[in-house]
Amino acid sequence: MITPLIVWFLVSNGSPAKLSMNNIIADTNGILVWAGTSKEVALFGVNYMTPFAYSYRAILDKGLNIQDTIRQDVRHLKRLGLDALRIHVWDREISDLEGNLLDNEHTRAMDYLISECKVNGVYVLLTPLTFYTNGYPGPDLPTPGFSQRWSKSEMASDPKAIAASAKYLAQFANHVNPFTGLAYRNDPTVFGFELCNEPDVPPKANLFPI
């Protein structure tokens, strides 16, 4: 069973570590509540993926600056009353074939986006595994990431795919954002991790055992 919010992650030494969510915590029933009040967290937001795939390329094709665009978008969304964003991460664009996290233009754009959310009081839900190609609605372009080696179903069942995913997830959670100085797992702006987008889990698959 996949739960939408993951509050435990494998860190680099292979042991579980509880996420630091500061003013948002999970109660004994697994419900996210505001610390000190026990009131259930209810945020209003949208999916946002400008650091990746076609959205990223479309901005560059217009001759626009990625950081300027992200900054304007976040401030506009805040003016509209939104207080959360789900960042749909293209793992293929920020990892290598072994599952190592890459420090590239997409990672830096994501880092900047999270920092702008922090400045504007917008919470972030990260979805680190997508498994999608990066083309739609344009053609697919080459990507360096590990998930291109397996089908979406195999990503949830092949031991080598699971090992690469676990490596990537550990590095992702522990990645230190240069704009905030905080690892994703320790940033109170990041209130949760959704393990993967629309998983295709075969019967009896043991997905990412920890």
C-alpha atoms as a PDB file:
ATOM      1  CA  MET A   1       0.000   0.000   0.000  1.00  0.00           C
ATOM      2  CA  ILE A   2       1.336   3.451  -0.918  1.00  0.00           C
ATOM      3  CA  THR A   3       0.609   6.248   1.523  1.00  0.00           C
ATOM      4  CA  PRO A   4       0.529   9.738  -0.004  1.00  0.00           C
ATOM      5  CA  LEU A   5       2.735  11.326   2.632  1.00  0.00           C
ATOM      6  CA  ILE A   6       5.954   9.595   3.572  1.00  0.00           C
ATOM      7  CA  VAL A   7       7.265  10.536   7.010  1.00  0.00           C
ATOM      8  CA  TRP A   8      10.189   8.113   7.073  1.00  0.00           C
ATOM      9  CA  PHE A   9      13.096   7.950   4.671  1.00  0.00           C
ATOM     10  CA  LEU A  10      16.251   5.929   4.266  1.00  0.00           C
ATOM     11  CA  VAL A  11      19.240   8.146   4.887  1.00  0.00           C
ATOM     12  CA  SER A  12      22.678   7.505   3.505  1.00  0.00           C
ATOM     13  CA  ASN A  13      23.686   5.094   6.297  1.00  0.00           C
ATOM     14  CA  GLY A  14      20.688   2.878   5.580  1.00  0.00           C
ATOM     15  CA  SER A  15      18.778   3.587   8.786  1.00  0.00           C
ATOM     16  CA  PRO A  16      15.358   5.271   9.017  1.00  0.00           C
ATOM     17  CA  ALA A  17      15.182   8.909  10.053  1.00  0.00           C
ATOM     18  CA  LYS A  18      12.071  10.860  10.972  1.00  0.00           C
ATOM     19  CA  LEU A  19      11.428  13.934   8.875  1.00  0.00           C
ATOM     20  CA  SER A  20      11.697  17.244  10.663  1.00  0.00           C
ATOM     21  CA  MET A  21       8.452  19.066   9.851  1.00  0.00           C
ATOM     22  CA  ASN A  22       8.576  21.571  12.760  1.00  0.00           C
ATOM     23  CA  ASN A  23       5.144  23.204  12.975  1.00  0.00           C
ATOM     24  CA  ILE A  24       3.452  20.447  10.961  1.00  0.00           C
ATOM     25  CA  ILE A  25       3.538  17.029  12.609  1.00  0.00           C
ATOM     26  CA  ALA A  26       1.890  13.634  12.149  1.00  0.00           C
ATOM     27  CA  ASP A  27      -0.334  12.604  15.054  1.00  0.00           C
ATOM     28  CA  THR A  28      -0.727   9.048  16.370  1.00  0.00           C
ATOM     29  CA  ASN A  29      -3.267   8.322  13.620  1.00  0.00           C
ATOM     30  CA  GLY A  30      -0.929   9.503  10.861  1.00  0.00           C
ATOM     31  CA  ILE A  31      -2.906  12.705  10.275  1.00  0.00           C
ATOM     32  CA  LEU A  32      -0.952  15.900   9.638  1.00  0.00           C
ATOM     33  CA  VAL A  33      -1.801  18.511  12.267  1.00  0.00           C
ATOM     34  CA  TRP A  34      -0.480  21.895  13.340  1.00  0.00           C
ATOM     35  CA  ALA A  35       1.872  21.454  16.286  1.00  0.00           C
ATOM     36  CA  GLY A  36       0.445  22.780  19.531  1.00  0.00           C
ATOM     37  CA  THR A  37      -3.148  22.909  18.288  1.00  0.00           C
ATOM     38  CA  SER A  38      -3.859  19.370  16.993  1.00  0.00           C
ATOM     39  CA  LYS A  39      -5.898  21.005  14.209  1.00  0.00           C
ATOM     40  CA  GLU A  40      -5.724  19.081  10.953  1.00  0.00           C
ATOM     41  CA  VAL A  41      -3.604  20.733   8.275  1.00  0.00           C
ATOM     42  CA  ALA A  42      -5.657  21.905   5.291  1.00  0.00           C
ATOM     43  CA  LEU A  43      -3.640  23.592   2.552  1.00  0.00           C
ATOM     44  CA  PHE A  44      -4.759  24.882  -0.846  1.00  0.00           C
ATOM     45  CA  GLY A  45      -2.366  24.516  -3.749  1.00  0.00           C
ATOM     46  CA  VAL A  46      -1.578  23.298  -7.247  1.00  0.00           C
ATOM     47  CA  ASN A  47       0.850  21.039  -9.053  1.00  0.00           C
ATOM     48  CA  TYR A  48       3.909  22.950 -10.311  1.00  0.00           C
ATOM     49  CA  MET A  49       6.710  21.549 -12.464  1.00  0.00           C
ATOM     50  CA  THR A  50       8.477  24.497 -14.084  1.00  0.00           C
ATOM     51  CA  PRO A  51      11.960  23.181 -13.131  1.00  0.00           C
ATOM     52  CA  PHE A  52      11.449  20.131 -15.360  1.00  0.00           C
ATOM     53  CA  ALA A  53      10.517  18.673 -18.717  1.00  0.00           C
ATOM     54  CA  TYR A  54       8.527  20.670 -21.295  1.00  0.00           C
ATOM     55  CA  SER A  55       7.733  23.497 -18.884  1.00  0.00           C
ATOM     56  CA  TYR A  56      11.434  24.178 -18.354  1.00  0.00           C
ATOM     57  CA  ARG A  57      12.222  24.078 -22.069  1.00  0.00           C
ATOM     58  CA  ALA A  58       9.263  26.271 -23.008  1.00  0.00           C
ATOM     59  CA  ILE A  59      10.512  29.041 -20.724  1.00  0.00           C
ATOM     60  CA  LEU A  60      14.001  28.885 -22.217  1.00  0.00           C
ATOM     61  CA  ASP A  61      12.554  28.831 -25.746  1.00  0.00           C
ATOM     62  CA  LYS A  62      10.824  32.138 -24.956  1.00  0.00           C
ATOM     63  CA  GLY A  63      14.161  33.621 -23.926  1.00  0.00           C
ATOM     64  CA  LEU A  64      12.995  33.988 -20.328  1.00  0.00           C
ATOM     65  CA  ASN A  65      15.002  33.484 -17.140  1.00  0.00           C
ATOM     66  CA  ILE A  66      14.013  30.426 -15.106  1.00  0.00           C
ATOM     67  CA  GLN A  67      14.559  32.021 -11.700  1.00  0.00           C
ATOM     68  CA  ASP A  68      12.711  35.202 -12.653  1.00  0.00           C
ATOM     69  CA  THR A  69       9.791  33.136 -13.925  1.00  0.00           C
ATOM     70  CA  ILE A  70       9.663  30.985 -10.798  1.00  0.00           C
ATOM     71  CA  ARG A  71       9.822  34.037  -8.543  1.00  0.00           C
ATOM     72  CA  GLN A  72       6.970  35.751 -10.393  1.00  0.00           C
ATOM     73  CA  ASP A  73       4.878  32.568 -10.438  1.00  0.00           C
ATOM     74  CA  VAL A  74       5.230  31.891  -6.714  1.00  0.00           C
ATOM     75  CA  ARG A  75       4.390  35.471  -5.771  1.00  0.00           C
ATOM     76  CA  HIS A  76       1.392  35.480  -8.097  1.00  0.00           C
ATOM     77  CA  LEU A  77       0.123  32.186  -6.696  1.00  0.00           C
ATOM     78  CA  LYS A  78       0.536  33.583  -3.189  1.00  0.00           C
ATOM     79  CA  ARG A  79      -1.535  36.641  -4.161  1.00  0.00           C
ATOM     80  CA  LEU A  80      -4.241  34.261  -5.372  1.00  0.00           C
ATOM     81  CA  GLY A  81      -4.421  32.763  -1.893  1.00  0.00           C
ATOM     82  CA  LEU A  82      -2.513  29.523  -2.430  1.00  0.00           C
ATOM     83  CA  ASP A  83      -0.398  28.247   0.462  1.00  0.00           C
ATOM     84  CA  ALA A  84       1.002  24.998  -0.992  1.00  0.00           C
ATOM     85  CA  LEU A  85       2.674  23.611  -4.098  1.00  0.00           C
ATOM     86  CA  ARG A  86       3.225  20.024  -5.151  1.00  0.00           C
ATOM     87  CA  ILE A  87       6.511  19.849  -7.026  1.00  0.00           C
ATOM     88  CA  HIS A  88       6.336  17.075  -9.590  1.00  0.00           C
ATOM     89  CA  VAL A  89       9.983  15.983  -9.950  1.00  0.00           C
ATOM     90  CA  TRP A  90      11.352  14.434 -13.140  1.00  0.00           C
ATOM     91  CA  ASP A  91      13.794  11.918 -11.647  1.00  0.00           C
ATOM     92  CA  ARG A  92      15.135  11.129 -15.129  1.00  0.00           C
ATOM     93  CA  GLU A  93      16.457  14.672 -15.442  1.00  0.00           C
ATOM     94  CA  ILE A  94      18.221  14.867 -12.059  1.00  0.00           C
ATOM     95  CA  SER A  95      19.768  11.399 -11.636  1.00  0.00           C
ATOM     96  CA  ASP A  96      22.318   9.179 -13.349  1.00  0.00           C
ATOM     97  CA  LEU A  97      21.951   5.554 -14.443  1.00  0.00           C
ATOM     98  CA  GLU A  98      22.998   4.279 -11.005  1.00  0.00           C
ATOM     99  CA  GLY A  99      20.480   6.381  -9.092  1.00  0.00           C
ATOM    100  CA  ASN A 100      22.819   9.129  -7.937  1.00  0.00           C
ATOM    101  CA  LEU A 101      21.326  12.605  -7.596  1.00  0.00           C
ATOM    102  CA  LEU A 102      22.826  15.114 -10.043  1.00  0.00           C
ATOM    103  CA  ASP A 103      23.531  18.763  -9.332  1.00  0.00           C
ATOM    104  CA  ASN A 104      22.366  20.254 -12.614  1.00  0.00           C
ATOM    105  CA  GLU A 105      20.166  23.041 -13.948  1.00  0.00           C
ATOM    106  CA  HIS A 106      16.958  21.199 -13.032  1.00  0.00           C
ATOM    107  CA  THR A 107      18.071  20.522  -9.456  1.00  0.00           C
ATOM    108  CA  ARG A 108      19.111  24.152  -9.060  1.00  0.00           C
ATOM    109  CA  ALA A 109      15.761  25.365 -10.411  1.00  0.00           C
ATOM    110  CA  MET A 110      13.981  23.131  -7.906  1.00  0.00           C
ATOM    111  CA  ASP A 111      16.207  24.445  -5.110  1.00  0.00           C
ATOM    112  CA  TYR A 112      15.361  27.997  -6.083  1.00  0.00           C
ATOM    113  CA  LEU A 113      11.650  27.212  -6.258  1.00  0.00           C
ATOM    114  CA  ILE A 114      11.683  25.799  -2.721  1.00  0.00           C
ATOM    115  CA  SER A 115      13.559  28.858  -1.470  1.00  0.00           C
ATOM    116  CA  GLU A 116      10.980  31.170  -3.056  1.00  0.00           C
ATOM    117  CA  CYS A 117       8.188  29.154  -1.458  1.00  0.00           C
ATOM    118  CA  LYS A 118       9.913  29.613   1.902  1.00  0.00           C
ATOM    119  CA  VAL A 119      10.158  33.387   1.403  1.00  0.00           C
ATOM    120  CA  ASN A 120       6.467  33.591   0.489  1.00  0.00           C
ATOM    121  CA  GLY A 121       5.133  31.257   3.182  1.00  0.00           C
ATOM    122  CA  VAL A 122       4.106  28.528   0.736  1.00  0.00           C
ATOM    123  CA  TYR A 123       4.428  24.904   1.847  1.00  0.00           C
ATOM    124  CA  VAL A 124       5.862  22.245  -0.471  1.00  0.00           C
ATOM    125  CA  LEU A 125       4.969  18.612  -1.114  1.00  0.00           C
ATOM    126  CA  LEU A 126       7.730  16.861  -3.060  1.00  0.00           C
ATOM    127  CA  THR A 127       7.085  13.941  -5.408  1.00  0.00           C
ATOM    128  CA  PRO A 128      10.630  12.710  -6.135  1.00  0.00           C
ATOM    129  CA  LEU A 129       9.759   9.794  -8.450  1.00  0.00           C
ATOM    130  CA  THR A 130       7.792  10.325 -11.648  1.00  0.00           C
ATOM    131  CA  PHE A 131       9.196   7.726 -14.092  1.00  0.00           C
ATOM    132  CA  TYR A 132       7.872   9.784 -17.023  1.00  0.00           C
ATOM    133  CA  THR A 133       9.743  10.752 -20.161  1.00  0.00           C
ATOM    134  CA  ASN A 134      10.224  14.497 -20.569  1.00  0.00           C
ATOM    135  CA  GLY A 135       8.673  15.205 -23.961  1.00  0.00           C
ATOM    136  CA  TYR A 136       4.925  15.796 -23.828  1.00  0.00           C
ATOM    137  CA  PRO A 137       3.549  17.794 -25.556  1.00  0.00           C
ATOM    138  CA  GLY A 138       6.810  17.909 -27.514  1.00  0.00           C
ATOM    139  CA  PRO A 139       9.201  15.115 -28.498  1.00  0.00           C
ATOM    140  CA  ASP A 140      11.117  13.189 -25.834  1.00  0.00           C
ATOM    141  CA  LEU A 141      14.676  14.355 -25.285  1.00  0.00           C
ATOM    142  CA  PRO A 142      17.611  12.306 -23.918  1.00  0.00           C
ATOM    143  CA  THR A 143      17.792  12.112 -20.128  1.00  0.00           C
ATOM    144  CA  PRO A 144      20.547  10.720 -17.874  1.00  0.00           C
ATOM    145  CA  GLY A 145      18.345   9.111 -15.199  1.00  0.00           C
ATOM    146  CA  PHE A 146      18.105   5.543 -13.938  1.00  0.00           C
ATOM    147  CA  SER A 147      14.351   5.059 -14.442  1.00  0.00           C
ATOM    148  CA  GLN A 148      14.754   4.897 -18.233  1.00  0.00           C
ATOM    149  CA  ARG A 149      16.263   1.429 -17.754  1.00  0.00           C
ATOM    150  CA  TRP A 150      12.991  -0.147 -16.581  1.00  0.00           C
ATOM    151  CA  SER A 151       9.274   0.036 -17.256  1.00  0.00           C
ATOM    152  CA  LYS A 152       7.069   1.715 -14.673  1.00  0.00           C
ATOM    153  CA  SER A 153       5.877  -1.676 -13.447  1.00  0.00           C
ATOM    154  CA  GLU A 154       9.449  -2.965 -13.198  1.00  0.00           C
ATOM    155  CA  MET A 155      10.398   0.094 -11.154  1.00  0.00           C
ATOM    156  CA  ALA A 156       8.192  -1.335  -8.392  1.00  0.00           C
ATOM    157  CA  SER A 157       9.311  -4.960  -8.694  1.00  0.00           C
ATOM    158  CA  ASP A 158      12.823  -5.349 -10.147  1.00  0.00           C
ATOM    159  CA  PRO A 159      15.387  -5.556  -7.297  1.00  0.00           C
ATOM    160  CA  LYS A 160      17.957  -3.513  -9.227  1.00  0.00           C
ATOM    161  CA  ALA A 161      15.391  -0.806  -9.981  1.00  0.00           C
ATOM    162  CA  ILE A 162      14.357  -0.704  -6.331  1.00  0.00           C
ATOM    163  CA  ALA A 163      18.000  -0.438  -5.231  1.00  0.00           C
ATOM    164  CA  ALA A 164      18.625   2.463  -7.629  1.00  0.00           C
ATOM    165  CA  SER A 165      15.424   4.160  -6.443  1.00  0.00           C
ATOM    166  CA  ALA A 166      16.413   3.746  -2.787  1.00  0.00           C
ATOM    167  CA  LYS A 167      19.813   5.297  -3.483  1.00  0.00           C
ATOM    168  CA  TYR A 168      18.208   8.204  -5.288  1.00  0.00           C
ATOM    169  CA  LEU A 169      15.575   8.769  -2.595  1.00  0.00           C
ATOM    170  CA  ALA A 170      18.179   8.813   0.176  1.00  0.00           C
ATOM    171  CA  GLN A 171      20.306  11.360  -1.687  1.00  0.00           C
ATOM    172  CA  PHE A 172      17.234  13.385  -2.604  1.00  0.00           C
ATOM    173  CA  ALA A 173      15.998  13.615   0.995  1.00  0.00           C
ATOM    174  CA  ASN A 174      19.457  14.576   2.235  1.00  0.00           C
ATOM    175  CA  HIS A 175      20.221  17.061  -0.550  1.00  0.00           C
ATOM    176  CA  VAL A 176      21.181  20.432   0.927  1.00  0.00           C
ATOM    177  CA  ASN A 177      19.507  23.319  -0.860  1.00  0.00           C
ATOM    178  CA  PRO A 178      22.205  25.971  -1.467  1.00  0.00           C
ATOM    179  CA  PHE A 179      19.606  28.757  -1.347  1.00  0.00           C
ATOM    180  CA  THR A 180      18.311  27.788   2.112  1.00  0.00           C
ATOM    181  CA  GLY A 181      21.217  25.860   3.618  1.00  0.00           C
ATOM    182  CA  LEU A 182      18.782  23.105   4.614  1.00  0.00           C
ATOM    183  CA  ALA A 183      18.437  19.500   3.494  1.00  0.00           C
ATOM    184  CA  TYR A 184      15.012  18.802   2.038  1.00  0.00           C
ATOM    185  CA  ARG A 185      14.278  16.415   4.923  1.00  0.00           C
ATOM    186  CA  ASN A 186      14.994  19.166   7.468  1.00  0.00           C
ATOM    187  CA  ASP A 187      13.258  22.061   5.747  1.00  0.00           C
ATOM    188  CA  PRO A 188       9.972  23.029   7.481  1.00  0.00           C
ATOM    189  CA  THR A 189       8.773  24.399   4.140  1.00  0.00           C
ATOM    190  CA  VAL A 190       8.745  20.793   2.861  1.00  0.00           C
ATOM    191  CA  PHE A 191       5.842  19.291   4.804  1.00  0.00           C
ATOM    192  CA  GLY A 192       5.870  15.902   3.117  1.00  0.00           C
ATOM    193  CA  PHE A 193       7.179  13.537   0.464  1.00  0.00           C
ATOM    194  CA  GLU A 194       4.875  11.664  -1.871  1.00  0.00           C
ATOM    195  CA  LEU A 195       6.937   8.628  -2.763  1.00  0.00           C
ATOM    196  CA  CYS A 196       6.033   8.380  -6.442  1.00  0.00           C
ATOM    197  CA  ASN A 197       3.479   9.664  -8.910  1.00  0.00           C
ATOM    198  CA  GLU A 198       0.796   7.201 -10.004  1.00  0.00           C
ATOM    199  CA  PRO A 199       2.747   4.018  -9.197  1.00  0.00           C
ATOM    200  CA  ASP A 200       2.127   0.871 -11.237  1.00  0.00           C
ATOM    201  CA  VAL A 201       2.541  -1.771  -8.549  1.00  0.00           C
ATOM    202  CA  PRO A 202       2.334  -5.429  -9.613  1.00  0.00           C
ATOM    203  CA  PRO A 203       0.484  -7.847  -7.286  1.00  0.00           C
ATOM    204  CA  LYS A 204       2.580  -8.889  -4.265  1.00  0.00           C
ATOM    205  CA  ALA A 205       5.327  -6.352  -5.062  1.00  0.00           C
ATOM    206  CA  ASN A 206       7.340  -5.229  -2.035  1.00  0.00           C
ATOM    207  CA  LEU A 207       7.805  -1.595  -2.957  1.00  0.00           C
ATOM    208  CA  PHE A 208      10.835   0.110  -1.385  1.00  0.00           C
ATOM    209  CA  PRO A 209      10.999  -1.950   1.829  1.00  0.00           C
ATOM    210  CA  ILE A 210      12.586   0.019   4.678  1.00  0.00           C
END
